Amino acid sequence: MLVSGVRLSDDAAVVALWWAAYLVYVAAFAVESLDVRAARGWDPRATMGTLVVAGMAVWLLAPDLGFTSLLFVVTTATIAFVMPVGAVAAVVVVQTVAVAVGGALTGWDTTTMVLSTTAYLAFQVFTALVVVGTRREAAARAELAATHADLRAATTLLATSSRTDERLRIARDLHDVLGHQLTALALELEVAGHQATGEALTHVSRARDIAKGLLTDVRATVGELRDAPAGLVPTLRAVVGRLP
């Protein structure tokens, strides 16, 4: 506009309003495109409403320019990235009506009115479909990635749980089988020690001490197996190891 020197209007107030509306539109578009809204915690509806109102003002203040109605397509694309489908459809309808109103102010004939309005409606619908499709594809990829991460985490936790269960099973078997057998052996040797004499008593006492030592070792091993940590650090490393 500045370089070509196109005359907006003979009314200075209209020119000032047009430039004000255009700059507001550019500012709102920059806020949304640079994601300043998310960083500042702004309501997306405020930014989207600003785009719609400023875009229609740019068009309706100088409809003779013709090309400023392209901002409606830009607005539709921007809104389709962040707003629900219903809101996008409502904006498309409102902006299509604005195209028709601007055409009436310009003096379009019936054929031009129908063709231009239908064309901009089609442009907006096509843009909305493309952007909404892109959003859904991105959401599907994110959902798939989350599901894959959940599956990998579940697999890792299952492996950790299996190792823990196996360790507890071994501890239980040692306690129930070997521990009981060693206890019985120690008792039998204790009885034999009271009945043996001479050199036999020496060997029986030595065997009894060995049996008691083995029983102590088995009990210590069972305690270590039962009290051993589940290996949280290796498990977490396995879960997050493939994250970027």
Protein backbone atom coordinates (compact mmCIF):
# COMPACT_ATOMS: atom_id res chain seq x y z
CA MET A 1 0.00 0.00 0.00
CA LEU A 2 2.75 2.44 0.89
CA VAL A 3 4.93 1.66 -2.12
CA SER A 4 2.16 1.63 -4.72
CA GLY A 5 0.58 4.80 -3.39
CA VAL A 6 -2.99 3.47 -3.74
CA ARG A 7 -5.50 6.02 -2.49
CA LEU A 8 -7.67 4.53 0.23
CA SER A 9 -10.20 7.33 0.59
CA ASP A 10 -10.66 11.05 0.34
CA ASP A 11 -11.67 11.07 4.01
CA ALA A 12 -8.60 11.32 6.27
CA ALA A 13 -10.55 9.75 9.14
CA VAL A 14 -11.28 6.65 7.02
CA VAL A 15 -7.60 6.39 6.06
CA ALA A 16 -6.55 6.66 9.71
CA LEU A 17 -9.10 4.02 10.76
CA TRP A 18 -8.00 1.71 7.95
CA TRP A 19 -4.34 1.86 8.95
CA ALA A 20 -5.24 1.47 12.62
CA ALA A 21 -7.33 -1.62 11.85
CA TYR A 22 -4.60 -3.06 9.64
CA LEU A 23 -1.89 -2.54 12.27
CA VAL A 24 -4.11 -4.09 14.93
CA TYR A 25 -4.64 -7.07 12.64
CA VAL A 26 -0.88 -7.46 12.07
CA ALA A 27 -0.23 -7.20 15.81
CA ALA A 28 -2.86 -9.84 16.65
CA PHE A 29 -1.51 -12.14 13.94
CA ALA A 30 2.04 -11.71 15.29
CA VAL A 31 0.88 -12.47 18.83
CA GLU A 32 -0.70 -15.72 17.68
CA SER A 33 2.03 -16.72 15.25
CA LEU A 34 4.89 -16.07 17.67
CA ASP A 35 2.98 -17.90 20.43
CA VAL A 36 3.23 -14.88 22.72
CA ARG A 37 -0.31 -15.63 23.86
CA ALA A 38 0.69 -18.97 25.37
CA ALA A 39 3.67 -17.46 27.12
CA ARG A 40 1.61 -14.63 28.58
CA GLY A 41 -1.42 -16.76 29.39
CA TRP A 42 -3.76 -14.77 27.14
CA ASP A 43 -7.18 -16.05 26.20
CA PRO A 44 -7.10 -17.25 22.56
CA ARG A 45 -10.64 -15.99 22.03
CA ALA A 46 -9.47 -12.40 22.53
CA THR A 47 -6.79 -12.74 19.87
CA MET A 48 -9.12 -14.52 17.47
CA GLY A 49 -11.87 -11.97 18.00
CA THR A 50 -9.39 -9.17 17.31
CA LEU A 51 -8.37 -10.83 14.04
CA VAL A 52 -11.97 -11.19 12.89
CA VAL A 53 -13.03 -7.64 13.79
CA ALA A 54 -9.86 -5.96 12.50
CA GLY A 55 -9.93 -7.99 9.27
CA MET A 56 -13.52 -7.04 8.54
CA ALA A 57 -12.77 -3.41 9.35
CA VAL A 58 -9.86 -3.40 6.86
CA TRP A 59 -12.15 -4.85 4.20
CA LEU A 60 -15.27 -2.79 4.85
CA LEU A 61 -13.46 0.55 5.25
CA ALA A 62 -12.00 0.27 1.74
CA PRO A 63 -13.73 -2.51 -0.21
CA ASP A 64 -12.72 -0.89 -3.50
CA LEU A 65 -9.18 -2.23 -2.96
CA GLY A 66 -10.53 -5.72 -3.58
CA PHE A 67 -7.51 -7.72 -2.41
CA THR A 68 -7.88 -7.01 1.35
CA SER A 69 -10.59 -9.68 1.55
CA LEU A 70 -7.69 -12.16 1.38
CA LEU A 71 -7.22 -11.42 5.07
CA PHE A 72 -10.35 -13.50 5.68
CA VAL A 73 -8.51 -16.58 4.44
CA VAL A 74 -5.54 -15.78 6.70
CA THR A 75 -7.91 -15.32 9.64
CA THR A 76 -9.60 -18.65 8.94
CA ALA A 77 -6.25 -20.46 8.80
CA THR A 78 -5.08 -18.86 12.04
CA ILE A 79 -8.30 -19.57 13.92
CA ALA A 80 -8.47 -23.15 12.67
CA PHE A 81 -5.15 -23.86 14.43
CA VAL A 82 -6.48 -23.08 17.92
CA MET A 83 -10.29 -22.96 17.97
CA PRO A 84 -12.94 -25.71 17.79
CA VAL A 85 -14.49 -26.60 14.46
CA GLY A 86 -17.79 -24.97 15.40
CA ALA A 87 -16.11 -21.63 16.10
CA VAL A 88 -14.20 -21.85 12.80
CA ALA A 89 -17.43 -22.49 10.90
CA ALA A 90 -19.08 -19.48 12.56
CA VAL A 91 -16.16 -17.23 11.63
CA VAL A 92 -16.28 -18.47 8.02
CA VAL A 93 -19.98 -17.61 7.82
CA VAL A 94 -19.51 -14.14 9.34
CA GLN A 95 -16.59 -13.31 7.05
CA THR A 96 -18.46 -14.56 3.99
CA VAL A 97 -21.33 -12.21 4.87
CA ALA A 98 -18.74 -9.41 5.25
CA VAL A 99 -17.47 -10.15 1.71
CA ALA A 100 -21.01 -9.78 0.40
CA VAL A 101 -21.57 -6.55 2.33
CA GLY A 102 -18.31 -5.09 1.03
CA GLY A 103 -19.28 -6.09 -2.50
CA ALA A 104 -22.63 -4.35 -2.09
CA LEU A 105 -20.87 -1.20 -0.89
CA THR A 106 -18.58 -1.36 -3.90
CA GLY A 107 -21.50 -1.85 -6.29
CA TRP A 108 -20.88 -5.40 -7.53
CA ASP A 109 -23.45 -6.73 -9.92
CA THR A 110 -25.30 -9.95 -9.09
CA THR A 111 -22.95 -12.23 -11.02
CA THR A 112 -19.82 -10.73 -9.48
CA MET A 113 -21.43 -10.85 -6.05
CA VAL A 114 -22.28 -14.56 -6.33
CA LEU A 115 -18.94 -15.58 -7.85
CA SER A 116 -16.78 -13.57 -5.45
CA THR A 117 -18.73 -14.55 -2.34
CA THR A 118 -18.73 -18.22 -3.34
CA ALA A 119 -15.03 -18.11 -4.20
CA TYR A 120 -14.02 -16.65 -0.84
CA LEU A 121 -16.33 -19.08 0.94
CA ALA A 122 -14.60 -21.94 -0.88
CA PHE A 123 -11.16 -20.54 -0.09
CA GLN A 124 -12.00 -20.31 3.61
CA VAL A 125 -13.57 -23.76 3.77
CA PHE A 126 -10.62 -25.33 1.97
CA THR A 127 -8.16 -23.56 4.29
CA ALA A 128 -10.09 -24.65 7.36
CA LEU A 129 -10.21 -28.26 6.17
CA VAL A 130 -6.47 -28.33 5.52
CA VAL A 131 -5.59 -26.81 8.90
CA VAL A 132 -8.07 -28.94 10.86
CA GLY A 133 -6.75 -32.03 9.07
CA THR A 134 -3.21 -31.04 10.01
CA ARG A 135 -4.25 -30.56 13.63
CA ARG A 136 -5.92 -33.95 13.74
CA GLU A 137 -2.89 -35.62 12.18
CA ALA A 138 -0.59 -33.98 14.72
CA ALA A 139 -2.91 -35.02 17.55
CA ALA A 140 -2.98 -38.59 16.22
CA ARG A 141 0.83 -38.66 16.07
CA ALA A 142 1.06 -37.31 19.60
CA GLU A 143 -1.47 -39.87 20.82
CA LEU A 144 0.45 -42.65 19.08
CA ALA A 145 3.71 -41.46 20.63
CA ALA A 146 2.07 -41.34 24.07
CA THR A 147 0.65 -44.83 23.59
CA HIS A 148 4.06 -46.11 22.52
CA ALA A 149 5.65 -44.49 25.58
CA ASP A 150 3.00 -46.07 27.81
CA LEU A 151 3.62 -49.45 26.23
CA ARG A 152 7.39 -49.12 26.66
CA ALA A 153 6.91 -48.07 30.28
CA ALA A 154 4.50 -50.94 30.93
CA THR A 155 6.95 -53.40 29.37
CA THR A 156 9.81 -52.09 31.50
CA LEU A 157 7.73 -52.15 34.67
CA LEU A 158 6.51 -55.66 33.83
CA ALA A 159 10.09 -56.82 33.41
CA THR A 160 11.03 -55.23 36.73
CA SER A 161 8.01 -56.80 38.40
CA SER A 162 8.90 -60.19 36.92
CA ARG A 163 12.44 -59.94 38.27
CA THR A 164 11.10 -58.98 41.69
CA ASP A 165 8.62 -61.86 41.67
CA GLU A 166 11.35 -64.29 40.63
CA ARG A 167 13.64 -63.03 43.38
CA LEU A 168 10.88 -63.45 45.97
CA ARG A 169 10.08 -66.94 44.65
CA ILE A 170 13.72 -67.96 45.03
CA ALA A 171 13.79 -66.53 48.54
CA ARG A 172 10.61 -68.40 49.42
CA ASP A 173 11.96 -71.66 48.01
CA LEU A 174 15.22 -71.25 49.91
CA HIS A 175 13.34 -70.58 53.11
CA ASP A 176 10.70 -73.28 52.73
CA VAL A 177 12.84 -76.07 51.29
CA LEU A 178 16.51 -75.58 52.05
CA GLY A 179 15.96 -73.70 55.30
CA HIS A 180 13.61 -76.31 56.71
CA GLN A 181 15.89 -79.15 55.64
CA LEU A 182 18.93 -77.52 57.23
CA THR A 183 16.94 -76.89 60.42
CA ALA A 184 15.96 -80.55 60.55
CA LEU A 185 19.55 -81.59 59.85
CA ALA A 186 20.87 -79.36 62.63
CA LEU A 187 18.36 -80.84 65.07
CA GLU A 188 19.28 -84.39 64.08
CA LEU A 189 22.96 -83.62 64.53
CA GLU A 190 22.21 -82.04 67.90
CA VAL A 191 20.54 -85.26 68.99
CA ALA A 192 23.39 -87.33 67.56
CA GLY A 193 25.87 -85.19 69.47
CA HIS A 194 24.28 -86.23 72.75
CA GLN A 195 24.51 -89.89 71.81
CA ALA A 196 27.94 -90.07 70.15
CA THR A 197 31.18 -90.57 72.03
CA GLY A 198 34.83 -90.41 71.31
CA GLU A 199 36.01 -89.49 67.80
CA ALA A 200 32.45 -89.78 66.43
CA LEU A 201 31.36 -86.94 68.71
CA THR A 202 34.02 -84.68 67.19
CA HIS A 203 32.77 -85.30 63.66
CA VAL A 204 29.13 -84.93 64.68
CA SER A 205 29.84 -81.63 66.42
CA ARG A 206 31.72 -80.35 63.41
CA ALA A 207 28.86 -81.36 61.07
CA ARG A 208 26.36 -79.69 63.42
CA ASP A 209 28.34 -76.44 63.33
CA ILE A 210 28.53 -76.58 59.53
CA ALA A 211 24.77 -77.16 59.30
CA LYS A 212 24.08 -74.22 61.64
CA GLY A 213 26.44 -72.03 59.60
CA LEU A 214 24.68 -73.00 56.37
CA LEU A 215 21.31 -72.27 57.97
CA THR A 216 22.55 -68.83 59.02
CA ASP A 217 23.83 -68.16 55.50
CA VAL A 218 20.53 -69.26 53.96
CA ARG A 219 18.55 -67.01 56.27
CA ALA A 220 20.84 -64.07 55.47
CA THR A 221 20.47 -64.72 51.74
CA VAL A 222 16.68 -64.95 52.03
CA GLY A 223 16.63 -61.64 53.91
CA GLU A 224 18.75 -59.93 51.26
CA LEU A 225 16.55 -61.25 48.46
CA ARG A 226 13.38 -60.09 50.18
CA ASP A 227 14.71 -56.66 51.15
CA ALA A 228 16.57 -55.92 47.91
CA PRO A 229 15.33 -52.72 46.18
CA ALA A 230 13.28 -53.06 43.02
CA GLY A 231 15.88 -51.22 40.93
CA LEU A 232 14.09 -47.90 40.45
CA VAL A 233 17.01 -46.11 38.81
CA PRO A 234 17.58 -48.73 36.04
CA THR A 235 13.82 -48.94 35.49
CA LEU A 236 13.44 -45.18 35.07
CA ARG A 237 16.44 -45.05 32.77
CA ALA A 238 14.89 -47.74 30.61
CA VAL A 239 11.57 -45.88 30.49
CA VAL A 240 13.01 -42.47 29.53
CA GLY A 241 16.06 -43.70 27.64
CA ARG A 242 14.58 -43.00 24.19
CA LEU A 243 13.10 -39.62 24.93
CA PRO A 244 14.61 -36.76 22.92
